[in-house]
């Protein structure tokens, strides 16, 4: 199973068209992002403490729902 980060990278875009694309771009630039994680709680905790680039945790939840639905 691919990690959430690996999944999220498919949404990277040079000119983000939506919040998930912007999140993907920002996560790519975040050198400390837990790239190998497949655990919701670990990722959520990380973003709560370090995801200053994420305007709203709802964006993460939406991306997580897509990740889970495509596994």
Protein backbone atom coordinates (compact mmCIF):
# COMPACT_ATOMS: atom_id res chain seq x y z
CA UNK A 1 0.00 0.00 0.00
CA UNK A 2 1.39 3.41 -0.90
CA UNK A 3 1.76 6.06 1.75
CA UNK A 4 -0.58 9.01 2.03
CA UNK A 5 2.24 11.32 0.93
CA UNK A 6 2.89 9.22 -2.18
CA UNK A 7 -0.82 9.30 -2.98
CA UNK A 8 -1.06 13.05 -2.35
CA UNK A 9 1.75 13.79 -4.80
CA UNK A 10 -0.51 12.91 -7.71
CA UNK A 11 -2.32 16.19 -6.97
CA UNK A 12 0.80 18.37 -7.25
CA UNK A 13 0.40 21.05 -9.86
CA UNK A 14 2.53 24.07 -10.80
CA UNK A 15 -0.59 26.23 -10.71
CA UNK A 16 -2.82 24.69 -8.02
CA UNK A 17 -6.45 24.62 -9.07
CA UNK A 18 -7.89 23.68 -5.68
CA UNK A 19 -7.06 23.29 -2.00
CA UNK A 20 -5.86 19.70 -2.32
CA UNK A 21 -3.41 20.65 -5.06
CA UNK A 22 -2.09 23.47 -2.89
CA UNK A 23 -1.81 21.05 0.05
CA UNK A 24 0.15 18.61 -2.15
CA UNK A 25 2.54 21.35 -3.24
CA UNK A 26 3.06 22.50 0.35
CA UNK A 27 3.54 18.95 1.66
CA UNK A 28 6.17 18.41 -1.05
CA UNK A 29 8.08 21.44 0.23
CA UNK A 30 7.76 20.27 3.87
CA UNK A 31 10.97 18.29 4.40
CA UNK A 32 9.71 16.90 7.73
CA UNK A 33 6.39 15.57 6.42
CA UNK A 34 5.95 11.90 7.47
CA UNK A 35 6.36 10.58 3.94
CA UNK A 36 6.03 6.89 4.77
CA UNK A 37 2.93 7.10 6.95
CA UNK A 38 -0.39 5.43 6.23
CA UNK A 39 -1.79 6.32 9.67
CA UNK A 40 -4.49 8.99 9.95
CA UNK A 41 -3.72 9.89 13.57
CA UNK A 42 0.01 10.26 12.96
CA UNK A 43 -0.57 12.51 9.96
CA UNK A 44 -3.29 14.52 11.65
CA UNK A 45 -1.14 15.11 14.73
CA UNK A 46 1.78 16.14 12.57
CA UNK A 47 -0.31 18.61 10.58
CA UNK A 48 -1.94 20.05 13.71
CA UNK A 49 1.52 20.88 15.08
CA UNK A 50 3.50 21.59 11.91
CA UNK A 51 1.08 22.18 9.06
CA UNK A 52 1.11 25.96 9.20
CA UNK A 53 0.63 25.94 5.43
CA UNK A 54 -2.69 24.11 5.75
CA UNK A 55 -5.47 26.70 6.11
CA UNK A 56 -7.97 24.20 7.44
CA UNK A 57 -7.76 20.57 8.57
CA UNK A 58 -10.88 19.87 6.49
CA UNK A 59 -8.58 19.91 3.46
CA UNK A 60 -6.54 17.08 4.97
CA UNK A 61 -9.73 15.17 5.80
CA UNK A 62 -10.96 15.52 2.22
CA UNK A 63 -7.62 14.31 0.85
CA UNK A 64 -7.61 11.44 3.37
CA UNK A 65 -11.12 10.37 2.29
CA UNK A 66 -9.95 10.26 -1.34
CA UNK A 67 -6.87 8.26 -0.29
CA UNK A 68 -8.98 5.72 1.60
CA UNK A 69 -11.55 5.39 -1.18
CA UNK A 70 -8.86 4.64 -3.78
CA UNK A 71 -6.95 2.02 -1.78
